[in-house]
Protein backbone atom coordinates (compact mmCIF):
# COMPACT_ATOMS: atom_id res chain seq x y z
CA MET A 1 208.01 69.95 95.37
CA ASN A 2 208.67 70.21 91.76
CA LYS A 3 205.47 68.09 91.19
CA HIS A 4 203.17 69.94 93.32
CA LEU A 5 204.69 73.55 91.88
CA LEU A 6 204.13 72.49 88.47
CA GLU A 7 200.59 70.90 89.11
CA LYS A 8 199.42 74.32 90.59
CA LEU A 9 201.02 76.12 87.75
CA PHE A 10 199.29 74.25 85.00
CA LYS A 11 195.96 74.17 87.05
CA LYS A 12 196.17 78.02 87.43
CA ILE A 13 196.74 78.55 84.00
CA GLU A 14 194.02 76.24 82.72
CA ASN A 15 191.59 78.34 84.55
CA GLU A 16 192.89 81.64 83.25
CA SER A 17 189.99 83.19 81.11
CA ASP A 18 192.12 84.12 78.16
CA CYS A 19 194.00 80.56 77.84
CA ASP A 20 192.46 79.40 74.79
CA LYS A 21 194.26 75.92 74.52
CA LYS A 22 193.96 73.91 77.61
CA THR A 23 196.63 71.38 76.28
CA LYS A 24 199.92 71.06 78.04
CA ASN A 25 201.48 72.71 75.00
CA GLY A 26 198.89 75.45 75.07
CA ILE A 27 199.50 76.03 78.85
CA SER A 28 203.31 76.01 78.32
CA ILE A 29 203.09 78.61 75.45
CA TYR A 30 200.79 80.77 77.63
CA PHE A 31 203.18 80.70 80.70
CA VAL A 32 206.08 81.81 78.12
CA GLU A 33 204.34 84.28 76.30
CA LYS A 34 201.75 85.81 78.53
CA ILE A 35 203.43 85.59 82.02
CA LEU A 36 207.15 85.63 81.30
CA GLU A 37 207.42 87.75 78.08
CA GLU A 38 204.21 90.11 78.29
CA GLN A 39 204.02 90.55 82.03
CA LEU A 40 207.52 90.24 83.22
CA GLY A 41 209.43 91.30 79.93
CA ARG A 42 211.56 88.13 80.09
CA LEU A 43 212.06 87.55 76.42
CA ASN A 44 213.84 84.30 75.44
CA TYR A 45 213.92 83.42 79.04
CA ILE A 46 212.78 79.73 78.47
CA ASN A 47 211.15 77.62 75.66
CA PRO A 48 207.56 76.33 76.03
CA LYS A 49 208.87 72.72 75.25
CA THR A 50 211.01 73.12 78.22
CA ILE A 51 208.41 73.90 80.51
CA LYS A 52 206.07 70.98 79.15
CA GLY A 53 209.26 68.65 79.76
CA TYR A 54 209.26 69.60 83.31
CA TYR A 55 205.62 68.88 83.62
CA ASP A 56 206.01 65.45 81.80
CA LYS A 57 209.10 64.54 84.09
CA TYR A 58 207.96 65.64 87.57
CA VAL A 59 204.09 65.40 87.21
CA LEU A 60 203.51 62.57 84.71
CA GLY A 61 206.59 60.52 85.74
CA ARG A 62 207.95 60.33 82.09
CA GLU A 63 211.52 59.73 81.88
CA ASN A 64 213.35 62.47 79.68
CA ASN A 65 216.36 64.88 79.54
CA SER A 66 214.62 67.59 81.32
CA GLY A 67 216.91 68.82 84.26
CA GLU A 68 216.03 70.55 87.50
CA PRO A 69 213.95 73.75 87.05
CA SER A 70 216.39 76.87 88.16
CA SER A 71 215.82 78.49 91.56
CA GLU A 72 214.82 81.56 89.67
CA LEU A 73 212.28 79.82 87.61
CA LYS A 74 210.73 78.33 90.70
CA ASN A 75 210.69 81.80 92.30
CA ILE A 76 208.82 83.22 89.35
CA ILE A 77 206.28 80.45 89.28
CA SER A 78 205.88 80.68 93.04
CA HIS A 79 205.38 84.45 92.90
CA TYR A 80 202.76 83.84 89.89
CA LEU A 81 200.79 81.31 92.25
CA GLY A 82 200.58 83.94 95.17
CA TYR A 83 203.62 83.05 97.15
CA LYS A 84 206.57 85.42 98.18
CA ASP A 85 209.11 82.94 96.50
CA TYR A 86 209.76 79.18 96.27
CA LEU A 87 210.93 78.88 99.93
CA ASP A 88 207.53 80.39 100.88
CA PHE A 89 205.76 77.81 98.77
CA GLU A 90 207.73 75.16 100.15
CA ASN A 91 207.00 76.03 103.69
CA SER A 92 203.13 76.01 103.01
CA LYS A 93 203.58 72.44 101.99
CA LYS A 94 205.62 71.10 104.87
CA LYS A 95 203.99 68.87 107.37
CA PRO A 96 205.16 67.80 110.83
CA ILE A 97 207.41 64.77 110.93
CA ASN A 98 209.20 62.63 113.60
CA THR A 99 212.60 64.17 113.63
CA ASN A 100 214.25 60.89 115.09
CA SER A 101 213.21 58.98 111.88
CA TYR A 102 213.57 61.89 109.29
CA GLY A 103 217.40 61.25 108.36
CA ASN A 104 216.31 57.58 107.73
CA ILE A 105 213.44 58.61 105.65
CA ARG A 106 215.71 60.93 103.51
CA LYS A 107 218.32 58.33 103.06
CA THR A 108 215.65 55.59 101.90
CA LYS A 109 214.02 58.00 99.44
CA LYS A 110 217.37 59.03 98.10
CA TRP A 111 218.39 55.35 97.72
CA LEU A 112 215.06 54.28 95.92
CA LEU A 113 215.27 57.42 93.51
CA ILE A 114 218.89 56.57 92.66
CA SER A 115 218.22 53.19 92.12
CA GLY A 116 215.12 53.85 90.14
CA ALA A 117 217.01 56.25 87.89
CA ILE A 118 219.64 53.71 87.27
CA VAL A 119 217.46 50.86 86.15
CA SER A 120 215.45 53.25 83.93
CA LEU A 121 218.38 54.59 82.25
CA SER A 122 220.17 51.05 81.73
CA PHE A 123 216.87 49.85 80.20
CA LEU A 124 216.55 52.91 77.99
CA LEU A 125 220.15 52.48 76.70
CA ILE A 126 219.90 48.92 76.25
CA THR A 127 216.46 49.23 74.28
CA LEU A 128 217.95 52.02 72.04
CA LYS A 129 220.90 49.99 71.24
CA ILE A 130 218.98 46.89 70.28
CA THR A 131 215.91 48.43 68.47
CA GLY A 132 217.39 51.92 67.45
CA THR A 133 215.04 54.72 67.34
CA LYS A 134 214.07 57.72 64.84
CA ASP A 135 215.07 60.26 67.39
CA CYS A 136 218.46 61.58 66.29
CA LEU A 137 218.53 64.54 64.07
CA VAL A 138 220.82 65.84 61.26
CA TRP A 139 220.85 69.27 59.73
CA LYS A 140 219.92 69.14 55.99
CA LYS A 141 220.54 72.45 54.33
CA ASP A 142 217.91 74.49 56.04
CA HIS A 143 216.15 71.93 58.34
CA TYR A 144 216.54 68.92 60.76
CA GLU A 145 215.50 65.48 59.70
CA GLU A 146 215.19 62.46 61.98
CA ILE A 147 217.45 59.52 61.47
CA ASP A 148 217.96 56.16 63.24
CA CYS A 149 220.10 56.62 66.57
CA ASP A 150 221.57 53.19 66.37
CA GLY A 151 222.07 53.48 70.30
CA VAL A 152 223.20 57.11 70.27
CA LEU A 153 221.17 59.57 72.08
CA ARG A 154 219.99 62.95 70.73
CA ASP A 155 222.09 65.94 71.71
CA PRO A 156 220.29 67.43 74.48
CA LEU A 157 220.99 71.05 73.16
CA LEU A 158 218.24 70.23 70.61
CA ASN A 159 215.50 69.36 73.28
CA ASN A 160 214.09 72.71 73.60
CA ILE A 161 213.84 73.53 70.04
CA ASP A 162 210.54 72.94 67.87
CA ILE A 163 212.20 70.55 65.36
CA GLN A 164 209.05 70.48 62.88
CA ARG A 165 208.96 74.33 62.83
CA PHE A 166 212.70 75.23 62.86
CA LYS A 167 213.81 76.31 59.40
CA GLN A 168 216.74 78.53 58.02
CA LEU A 169 215.43 81.46 56.23
CA ILE A 170 216.54 83.66 53.42
CA VAL A 171 215.52 87.25 54.32
CA SER A 172 215.47 90.63 52.81
CA ASP A 173 214.30 94.17 53.42
CA THR A 174 210.73 93.06 52.55
CA THR A 175 210.67 90.16 55.32
CA ALA A 176 208.54 90.56 58.17
CA PHE A 177 210.73 90.70 61.18
CA PHE A 178 208.29 91.64 63.84
CA ILE A 179 204.78 91.23 64.92
CA LYS A 180 203.42 93.76 67.44
CA GLY A 181 206.83 94.70 68.16
CA ARG A 182 207.97 91.23 69.18
CA PRO A 183 210.80 89.64 67.03
CA ILE A 184 209.87 86.57 65.10
CA ILE A 185 213.20 86.07 63.38
CA TRP A 186 216.35 84.77 64.99
CA TYR A 187 219.92 85.02 63.87
CA GLY A 188 223.43 83.58 64.60
CA LYS A 189 226.96 83.66 62.88
CA SER A 190 228.21 80.80 60.94
CA LYS A 191 231.77 79.55 61.43
CA LYS A 192 232.74 81.80 58.50
CA GLY A 193 231.26 84.76 60.14
CA LYS A 194 228.17 85.07 57.96
CA ILE A 195 224.92 85.94 59.41
CA ASP A 196 222.31 83.14 59.30
CA TYR A 197 218.67 83.88 60.02
CA PHE A 198 216.03 81.31 61.41
CA ASN A 199 212.18 81.29 61.94
CA SER A 200 212.42 80.39 65.59
CA ARG A 201 214.50 80.49 68.74
CA GLY A 202 217.04 77.74 69.42
CA ILE A 203 220.81 77.06 68.57
CA HIS A 204 222.79 77.52 65.13
CA PRO A 205 222.77 73.99 63.76
CA ILE A 206 226.39 74.22 62.98
CA THR A 207 228.08 76.21 65.76
CA LYS A 208 225.68 75.06 68.41
CA LYS A 209 225.59 78.71 69.81
CA GLU A 210 222.31 80.15 71.11
CA LEU A 211 220.49 82.27 68.52
CA LYS A 212 219.62 85.80 69.21
CA PRO A 213 216.21 87.79 68.35
CA ILE A 214 216.53 90.05 65.30
CA THR A 215 216.88 93.92 66.09
CA THR A 216 216.51 96.94 63.97
CA TYR A 217 220.29 97.26 64.20
CA ILE A 218 221.06 93.89 62.56
CA ILE A 219 218.41 94.50 59.88
CA LYS A 220 220.25 97.99 58.87
CA LYS A 221 223.72 96.58 59.14
CA TYR A 222 223.42 93.28 57.52
CA ILE A 223 220.15 93.33 55.43
CA SER A 224 219.04 96.76 54.25
CA ASN A 225 222.73 97.74 53.46
CA ASN A 226 223.14 94.74 51.47
CA GLU A 227 220.13 95.13 49.09
């Protein structure tokens, strides 16, 4: 059902008149910024790269570290598509089936999925161990850099971060913190309790704790008063 749900989501957004970018990235950004944040007021609910990851995994069949979309997210998507909730969407897709063979069909599908996942994961691990890949990251002063993994997979906490854009910033009372009332700076405390600032949502590269969007309170308390 995840495949059909995401297919319909991307197709509908692609047909939205104000969706300028019809790429997977553009559609994912539109869903987060236009639907979740502007229409529903759900700031920092999910990263556009997570939506794209779901699409790659469930629609295109590309193996990645994306998990299962939450029940709340599936309800939100279903409602956007015109259904009451995800259960209503599921029921609209169900077809009659021979109840005598239903249990066997479920068991067979489950076994095939598990077997396929084990084979794919084993192949991936072997390939990484043999060849290595520049898909691991290290934090260098104010940004991430890719390094050879040597068989070690990337920290899954970094999957939802735009690595190319993510940077630590030095801010002052002249820094632009908002655009049209929306925060464009995120912050988090270092291990020493110092406030660090970043240009994108994500996690603190040292403490691994989720960053928070800047507020006028933080600006007044930690920035303006220290100038």
